[in-house]
Amino acid sequence: MCHSARVASGDAKLGTGAGRRTVFYRGRLLGVREFARIQRIVDAQPDRTRQVIAQEVCRQFRWRRPTGQFAIDSCRLLLLRCVFRRT
């Protein structure tokens, strides 16, 4: 899927077993609660690009690069690997 592709909420699902595993990302452990929160952000914006959703996730989780900018590129990769999986 292209990074600029729009994704319907029906296509955005947590990967199989993702709710049972944890991922260490940007200095924090992401588990069931965090992935559920990310999924709610995705579901609330079904017509948005992964770029826009990544900006919102970064804003809500306060994920910033050392320069102070949001860590959008790495967040987009996290979304692709852990959230935007087709079933």
Protein backbone atom coordinates (compact mmCIF):
# COMPACT_ATOMS: atom_id res chain seq x y z
CA MET A 1 0.00 0.00 0.00
CA CYS A 2 1.34 3.40 -0.93
CA HIS A 3 2.01 5.73 1.98
CA SER A 4 -0.39 8.26 0.54
CA ALA A 5 -3.21 5.79 -0.07
CA ARG A 6 -6.43 6.42 1.75
CA VAL A 7 -7.47 3.57 3.99
CA ALA A 8 -11.01 2.74 5.00
CA SER A 9 -11.47 1.82 8.63
CA GLY A 10 -12.60 -1.65 7.52
CA ASP A 11 -9.13 -2.21 6.05
CA ALA A 12 -7.31 -1.02 9.14
CA LYS A 13 -7.07 -3.89 11.59
CA LEU A 14 -4.58 -4.81 14.23
CA GLY A 15 -2.45 -7.65 12.98
CA THR A 16 -3.25 -11.15 14.17
CA GLY A 17 -1.98 -11.58 17.69
CA ALA A 18 -0.94 -7.92 17.93
CA GLY A 19 -3.15 -7.53 20.98
CA ARG A 20 -1.15 -10.18 22.81
CA ARG A 21 2.31 -8.86 22.04
CA THR A 22 4.14 -5.72 22.97
CA VAL A 23 6.32 -3.48 20.85
CA PHE A 24 9.01 -1.18 22.18
CA TYR A 25 8.74 2.09 20.26
CA ARG A 26 10.15 5.57 20.88
CA GLY A 27 11.15 4.73 24.43
CA ARG A 28 7.90 3.16 25.51
CA LEU A 29 6.26 -0.22 25.53
CA LEU A 30 3.15 -0.44 23.35
CA GLY A 31 0.68 -3.09 24.38
CA VAL A 32 -3.03 -3.78 24.09
CA ARG A 33 -4.15 -0.40 25.44
CA GLU A 34 -1.83 1.60 23.24
CA PHE A 35 -2.76 -0.33 20.09
CA ALA A 36 -6.45 0.06 20.95
CA ARG A 37 -5.91 3.80 21.29
CA ILE A 38 -4.11 3.91 17.93
CA GLN A 39 -6.91 1.86 16.37
CA ARG A 40 -9.49 4.38 17.67
CA ILE A 41 -7.51 7.19 16.02
CA VAL A 42 -7.48 5.25 12.74
CA ASP A 43 -11.18 4.43 12.96
CA ALA A 44 -12.07 8.06 13.66
CA GLN A 45 -10.38 9.17 10.41
CA PRO A 46 -11.30 6.56 7.78
CA ASP A 47 -10.83 8.90 4.82
CA ARG A 48 -7.39 10.17 5.87
CA THR A 49 -3.99 9.15 4.58
CA ARG A 50 -1.53 7.24 6.75
CA GLN A 51 0.54 10.45 6.81
CA VAL A 52 -2.28 12.44 8.42
CA ILE A 53 -3.11 9.63 10.82
CA ALA A 54 0.58 9.35 11.79
CA GLN A 55 0.61 13.08 12.57
CA GLU A 56 -2.37 12.64 14.88
CA VAL A 57 -0.88 9.56 16.57
CA CYS A 58 2.40 11.44 17.11
CA ARG A 59 0.52 14.41 18.53
CA GLN A 60 -1.52 12.30 20.95
CA PHE A 61 1.42 10.14 22.07
CA ARG A 62 3.85 13.11 22.03
CA TRP A 63 6.31 11.26 19.81
CA ARG A 64 8.97 13.71 18.70
CA ARG A 65 12.37 13.52 17.10
CA PRO A 66 15.37 15.07 18.85
CA THR A 67 14.81 18.14 16.65
CA GLY A 68 11.38 18.63 18.21
CA GLN A 69 9.46 17.68 15.07
CA PHE A 70 6.90 14.90 15.20
CA ALA A 71 8.34 11.45 14.38
CA ILE A 72 5.93 11.00 11.48
CA ASP A 73 8.07 8.81 9.21
CA SER A 74 8.78 6.20 11.86
CA CYS A 75 5.18 6.36 13.06
CA ARG A 76 3.96 5.70 9.50
CA LEU A 77 6.19 2.62 9.44
CA LEU A 78 4.76 1.47 12.79
CA LEU A 79 1.24 1.93 11.43
CA LEU A 80 2.09 -0.05 8.32
CA ARG A 81 3.66 -2.91 10.24
CA CYS A 82 1.30 -3.14 13.19
CA VAL A 83 -2.04 -1.58 12.27
CA PHE A 84 -2.60 -1.35 8.51
CA ARG A 85 -2.58 -5.07 7.77
CA ARG A 86 -5.08 -6.64 5.48
CA THR A 87 -6.79 -9.69 6.89
